[in-house]
Amino acid sequence: MRDEREYVEYVQARMSWLRRLAYRLCGQWSAADDLVQECLVALYRHWRKAAAADSVDAYVRAMLVHAYLAERERSWTRRVRLVADGIGSAATPLAGAEHRVDLLTALTRLSRGQRTVLVLRYWEDLDVAQTAAALGCSTGTVKSQTAHAIAALRRLLPNYVPGGADAP
């Protein structure tokens, strides 16, 4: 009973963070909600192990990232969407919205691994070691994937200048 109460309290406190992270990974609110639901079911089954971890947030982040990355291995029938998703409500005010839309569109064109590395490093503000732990890979892999992802974004957004006058 105590474990269940702790699980519910954790989920209530962290739901908006989980949902935003899932959206940043997926790029669609409906897919993000599915991913969060899948993660929360797994978290419920493994709550004692998660609660005993050094950082519950790091444990749950890793679960969410692994669930996201594993989706590409699932049957195509689970990935088919019958209706297009809208962008949904923004998590933050849209300063420089035209650049934000371009960046979000470019992120969807990256591989899942590259997108995940960028989301964890720059949106979640994790350092290289924390990102490697979340992904279950080496710090060298994180560094190389980050470099490849940034290079890919530069190719996709040749006119975007971060920190420029029109930058978000």
C-alpha atoms as a PDB file:
ATOM      1  CA  MET A   1       0.000   0.000   0.000  1.00  0.00           C
ATOM      2  CA  ARG A   2       2.830   2.397   0.885  1.00  0.00           C
ATOM      3  CA  ASP A   3       4.608   1.607  -2.407  1.00  0.00           C
ATOM      4  CA  GLU A   4       1.471   2.341  -4.386  1.00  0.00           C
ATOM      5  CA  ARG A   5       0.955   5.664  -2.599  1.00  0.00           C
ATOM      6  CA  GLU A   6       4.581   6.657  -3.273  1.00  0.00           C
ATOM      7  CA  TYR A   7       4.194   5.687  -6.929  1.00  0.00           C
ATOM      8  CA  VAL A   8       1.027   7.782  -7.300  1.00  0.00           C
ATOM      9  CA  GLU A   9       2.653  10.774  -5.586  1.00  0.00           C
ATOM     10  CA  TYR A  10       5.700  10.528  -7.821  1.00  0.00           C
ATOM     11  CA  VAL A  11       3.634  10.278 -11.001  1.00  0.00           C
ATOM     12  CA  GLN A  12       1.426  13.210 -10.008  1.00  0.00           C
ATOM     13  CA  ALA A  13       4.450  15.367  -9.266  1.00  0.00           C
ATOM     14  CA  ARG A  14       6.396  14.446 -12.423  1.00  0.00           C
ATOM     15  CA  MET A  15       3.677  13.939 -15.060  1.00  0.00           C
ATOM     16  CA  SER A  16       4.157  17.265 -16.847  1.00  0.00           C
ATOM     17  CA  TRP A  17       7.946  16.728 -16.995  1.00  0.00           C
ATOM     18  CA  LEU A  18       7.499  13.193 -18.378  1.00  0.00           C
ATOM     19  CA  ARG A  19       5.002  14.375 -20.955  1.00  0.00           C
ATOM     20  CA  ARG A  20       7.227  17.255 -22.139  1.00  0.00           C
ATOM     21  CA  LEU A  21      10.237  14.948 -22.409  1.00  0.00           C
ATOM     22  CA  ALA A  22       8.202  12.391 -24.360  1.00  0.00           C
ATOM     23  CA  TYR A  23       6.928  15.119 -26.704  1.00  0.00           C
ATOM     24  CA  ARG A  24      10.448  16.355 -27.330  1.00  0.00           C
ATOM     25  CA  LEU A  25      11.469  12.832 -28.227  1.00  0.00           C
ATOM     26  CA  CYS A  26       8.409  11.956 -30.338  1.00  0.00           C
ATOM     27  CA  GLY A  27       7.408  15.304 -31.819  1.00  0.00           C
ATOM     28  CA  GLN A  28       3.692  14.446 -31.513  1.00  0.00           C
ATOM     29  CA  TRP A  29       1.492  14.797 -28.449  1.00  0.00           C
ATOM     30  CA  SER A  30      -0.481  11.602 -29.084  1.00  0.00           C
ATOM     31  CA  ALA A  31       2.707   9.565 -29.488  1.00  0.00           C
ATOM     32  CA  ALA A  32       4.139  11.249 -26.393  1.00  0.00           C
ATOM     33  CA  ASP A  33       1.060  10.335 -24.357  1.00  0.00           C
ATOM     34  CA  ASP A  34       1.322   6.708 -25.536  1.00  0.00           C
ATOM     35  CA  LEU A  35       5.001   6.648 -24.621  1.00  0.00           C
ATOM     36  CA  VAL A  36       4.353   8.086 -21.149  1.00  0.00           C
ATOM     37  CA  GLN A  37       1.569   5.576 -20.545  1.00  0.00           C
ATOM     38  CA  GLU A  38       3.835   2.696 -21.569  1.00  0.00           C
ATOM     39  CA  CYS A  39       6.583   4.017 -19.304  1.00  0.00           C
ATOM     40  CA  LEU A  40       4.242   4.453 -16.324  1.00  0.00           C
ATOM     41  CA  VAL A  41       2.955   0.892 -16.640  1.00  0.00           C
ATOM     42  CA  ALA A  42       6.540  -0.387 -16.622  1.00  0.00           C
ATOM     43  CA  LEU A  43       7.389   1.940 -13.732  1.00  0.00           C
ATOM     44  CA  TYR A  44       4.480   0.580 -11.707  1.00  0.00           C
ATOM     45  CA  ARG A  45       5.738  -2.968 -12.229  1.00  0.00           C
ATOM     46  CA  HIS A  46       9.264  -1.968 -11.182  1.00  0.00           C
ATOM     47  CA  TRP A  47       8.455   0.714  -8.608  1.00  0.00           C
ATOM     48  CA  ARG A  48      10.467  -0.817  -5.759  1.00  0.00           C
ATOM     49  CA  LYS A  49      13.600  -0.961  -7.890  1.00  0.00           C
ATOM     50  CA  ALA A  50      13.029   2.591  -9.184  1.00  0.00           C
ATOM     51  CA  ALA A  51      12.361   3.956  -5.695  1.00  0.00           C
ATOM     52  CA  ALA A  52      15.599   2.379  -4.470  1.00  0.00           C
ATOM     53  CA  ALA A  53      17.669   4.003  -7.248  1.00  0.00           C
ATOM     54  CA  ASP A  54      20.006   6.901  -6.496  1.00  0.00           C
ATOM     55  CA  SER A  55      17.755   9.134  -8.604  1.00  0.00           C
ATOM     56  CA  VAL A  56      14.190   8.125  -9.421  1.00  0.00           C
ATOM     57  CA  ASP A  57      14.081  10.792 -12.139  1.00  0.00           C
ATOM     58  CA  ALA A  58      17.204   9.401 -13.828  1.00  0.00           C
ATOM     59  CA  TYR A  59      15.765   5.874 -13.619  1.00  0.00           C
ATOM     60  CA  VAL A  60      12.437   6.966 -15.142  1.00  0.00           C
ATOM     61  CA  ARG A  61      14.158   9.088 -17.798  1.00  0.00           C
ATOM     62  CA  ALA A  62      16.162   6.036 -18.864  1.00  0.00           C
ATOM     63  CA  MET A  63      12.964   3.945 -18.993  1.00  0.00           C
ATOM     64  CA  LEU A  64      11.271   6.559 -21.182  1.00  0.00           C
ATOM     65  CA  VAL A  65      14.260   6.900 -23.506  1.00  0.00           C
ATOM     66  CA  HIS A  66      14.626   3.130 -23.900  1.00  0.00           C
ATOM     67  CA  ALA A  67      10.903   2.765 -24.619  1.00  0.00           C
ATOM     68  CA  TYR A  68      11.163   5.506 -27.250  1.00  0.00           C
ATOM     69  CA  LEU A  69      14.221   3.992 -28.899  1.00  0.00           C
ATOM     70  CA  ALA A  70      12.693   0.484 -28.831  1.00  0.00           C
ATOM     71  CA  GLU A  71       9.601   1.610 -30.738  1.00  0.00           C
ATOM     72  CA  ARG A  72      11.412   1.413 -34.074  1.00  0.00           C
ATOM     73  CA  GLU A  73      11.683  -2.345 -33.514  1.00  0.00           C
ATOM     74  CA  ARG A  74       7.932  -2.788 -33.156  1.00  0.00           C
ATOM     75  CA  SER A  75       5.567  -3.875 -35.857  1.00  0.00           C
ATOM     76  CA  TRP A  76       4.675  -1.194 -38.387  1.00  0.00           C
ATOM     77  CA  THR A  77       0.987  -1.596 -37.507  1.00  0.00           C
ATOM     78  CA  ARG A  78       1.550   0.032 -34.118  1.00  0.00           C
ATOM     79  CA  ARG A  79       3.290   3.013 -35.738  1.00  0.00           C
ATOM     80  CA  VAL A  80       0.583   3.852 -38.292  1.00  0.00           C
ATOM     81  CA  ARG A  81      -1.421   6.980 -37.428  1.00  0.00           C
ATOM     82  CA  LEU A  82      -4.850   7.369 -38.986  1.00  0.00           C
ATOM     83  CA  VAL A  83      -5.044  11.111 -38.327  1.00  0.00           C
ATOM     84  CA  ALA A  84      -2.367  13.773 -38.352  1.00  0.00           C
ATOM     85  CA  ASP A  85      -1.365  15.242 -35.020  1.00  0.00           C
ATOM     86  CA  GLY A  86      -1.439  18.939 -34.372  1.00  0.00           C
ATOM     87  CA  ILE A  87       1.460  20.578 -32.649  1.00  0.00           C
ATOM     88  CA  GLY A  88      -0.538  20.758 -29.428  1.00  0.00           C
ATOM     89  CA  SER A  89      -0.113  23.263 -26.668  1.00  0.00           C
ATOM     90  CA  ALA A  90       3.325  24.734 -26.198  1.00  0.00           C
ATOM     91  CA  ALA A  91       5.237  24.013 -23.007  1.00  0.00           C
ATOM     92  CA  THR A  92       6.879  27.460 -23.106  1.00  0.00           C
ATOM     93  CA  PRO A  93       6.019  30.838 -24.668  1.00  0.00           C
ATOM     94  CA  LEU A  94       6.794  30.942 -28.381  1.00  0.00           C
ATOM     95  CA  ALA A  95       9.472  33.606 -28.740  1.00  0.00           C
ATOM     96  CA  GLY A  96      10.832  33.384 -32.294  1.00  0.00           C
ATOM     97  CA  ALA A  97       8.108  30.867 -33.184  1.00  0.00           C
ATOM     98  CA  GLU A  98       9.125  30.612 -36.842  1.00  0.00           C
ATOM     99  CA  HIS A  99      12.592  29.363 -35.823  1.00  0.00           C
ATOM    100  CA  ARG A 100      11.157  27.030 -33.218  1.00  0.00           C
ATOM    101  CA  VAL A 101       8.881  25.403 -35.813  1.00  0.00           C
ATOM    102  CA  ASP A 102      11.823  25.028 -38.220  1.00  0.00           C
ATOM    103  CA  LEU A 103      13.951  23.477 -35.470  1.00  0.00           C
ATOM    104  CA  LEU A 104      11.208  21.072 -34.357  1.00  0.00           C
ATOM    105  CA  THR A 105      10.644  20.024 -37.967  1.00  0.00           C
ATOM    106  CA  ALA A 106      14.375  19.480 -38.487  1.00  0.00           C
ATOM    107  CA  LEU A 107      14.566  17.401 -35.296  1.00  0.00           C
ATOM    108  CA  THR A 108      11.926  15.026 -36.671  1.00  0.00           C
ATOM    109  CA  ARG A 109      14.197  14.372 -39.664  1.00  0.00           C
ATOM    110  CA  LEU A 110      17.075  13.170 -37.486  1.00  0.00           C
ATOM    111  CA  SER A 111      17.530   9.547 -36.510  1.00  0.00           C
ATOM    112  CA  ARG A 112      15.937   8.554 -33.204  1.00  0.00           C
ATOM    113  CA  GLY A 113      19.356   8.244 -31.586  1.00  0.00           C
ATOM    114  CA  GLN A 114      20.517  11.677 -32.715  1.00  0.00           C
ATOM    115  CA  ARG A 115      17.254  13.309 -31.707  1.00  0.00           C
ATOM    116  CA  THR A 116      17.378  11.608 -28.317  1.00  0.00           C
ATOM    117  CA  VAL A 117      20.941  12.772 -27.662  1.00  0.00           C
ATOM    118  CA  LEU A 118      20.046  16.384 -28.497  1.00  0.00           C
ATOM    119  CA  VAL A 119      16.891  16.333 -26.389  1.00  0.00           C
ATOM    120  CA  LEU A 120      18.720  14.927 -23.377  1.00  0.00           C
ATOM    121  CA  ARG A 121      21.787  17.158 -23.720  1.00  0.00           C
ATOM    122  CA  TYR A 122      20.177  20.473 -24.595  1.00  0.00           C
ATOM    123  CA  TRP A 123      16.537  20.375 -23.510  1.00  0.00           C
ATOM    124  CA  GLU A 124      16.956  18.225 -20.427  1.00  0.00           C
ATOM    125  CA  ASP A 125      20.342  19.879 -19.733  1.00  0.00           C
ATOM    126  CA  LEU A 126      22.072  16.598 -18.915  1.00  0.00           C
ATOM    127  CA  ASP A 127      25.839  16.402 -19.068  1.00  0.00           C
ATOM    128  CA  VAL A 128      27.607  13.824 -21.236  1.00  0.00           C
ATOM    129  CA  ALA A 129      27.873  11.251 -18.430  1.00  0.00           C
ATOM    130  CA  GLN A 130      24.184  11.578 -17.454  1.00  0.00           C
ATOM    131  CA  THR A 131      23.144  11.267 -21.099  1.00  0.00           C
ATOM    132  CA  ALA A 132      25.314   8.172 -21.506  1.00  0.00           C
ATOM    133  CA  ALA A 133      23.723   6.663 -18.394  1.00  0.00           C
ATOM    134  CA  ALA A 134      20.208   7.370 -19.685  1.00  0.00           C
ATOM    135  CA  LEU A 135      21.042   5.799 -23.045  1.00  0.00           C
ATOM    136  CA  GLY A 136      23.112   2.944 -21.668  1.00  0.00           C
ATOM    137  CA  CYS A 137      26.103   3.784 -23.857  1.00  0.00           C
ATOM    138  CA  SER A 138      29.594   5.253 -23.523  1.00  0.00           C
ATOM    139  CA  THR A 139      30.362   8.954 -23.181  1.00  0.00           C
ATOM    140  CA  GLY A 140      32.268   8.719 -26.467  1.00  0.00           C
ATOM    141  CA  THR A 141      29.110   7.550 -28.221  1.00  0.00           C
ATOM    142  CA  VAL A 142      27.188  10.490 -26.752  1.00  0.00           C
ATOM    143  CA  LYS A 143      29.855  12.925 -27.945  1.00  0.00           C
ATOM    144  CA  SER A 144      29.997  11.501 -31.462  1.00  0.00           C
ATOM    145  CA  GLN A 145      26.202  11.270 -31.793  1.00  0.00           C
ATOM    146  CA  THR A 146      25.892  14.862 -30.576  1.00  0.00           C
ATOM    147  CA  ALA A 147      28.439  16.039 -33.144  1.00  0.00           C
ATOM    148  CA  HIS A 148      26.707  14.094 -35.940  1.00  0.00           C
ATOM    149  CA  ALA A 149      23.285  15.407 -34.885  1.00  0.00           C
ATOM    150  CA  ILE A 150      24.453  19.023 -34.793  1.00  0.00           C
ATOM    151  CA  ALA A 151      26.078  18.609 -38.212  1.00  0.00           C
ATOM    152  CA  ALA A 152      22.818  17.172 -39.556  1.00  0.00           C
ATOM    153  CA  LEU A 153      20.849  20.098 -38.096  1.00  0.00           C
ATOM    154  CA  ARG A 154      23.252  22.533 -39.731  1.00  0.00           C
ATOM    155  CA  ARG A 155      22.594  20.863 -43.090  1.00  0.00           C
ATOM    156  CA  LEU A 156      18.836  20.968 -42.511  1.00  0.00           C
ATOM    157  CA  LEU A 157      18.853  24.566 -41.249  1.00  0.00           C
ATOM    158  CA  PRO A 158      21.567  26.329 -43.285  1.00  0.00           C
ATOM    159  CA  ASN A 159      20.195  29.842 -42.648  1.00  0.00           C
ATOM    160  CA  TYR A 160      19.595  29.455 -38.917  1.00  0.00           C
ATOM    161  CA  VAL A 161      22.041  31.344 -36.717  1.00  0.00           C
ATOM    162  CA  PRO A 162      21.694  30.419 -33.014  1.00  0.00           C
ATOM    163  CA  GLY A 163      21.705  33.538 -30.863  1.00  0.00           C
ATOM    164  CA  GLY A 164      21.110  35.756 -33.903  1.00  0.00           C
ATOM    165  CA  ALA A 165      18.740  38.708 -33.868  1.00  0.00           C
ATOM    166  CA  ASP A 166      15.774  36.524 -34.797  1.00  0.00           C
ATOM    167  CA  ALA A 167      16.785  33.510 -32.710  1.00  0.00           C
ATOM    168  CA  PRO A 168      14.312  32.085 -30.201  1.00  0.00           C
END
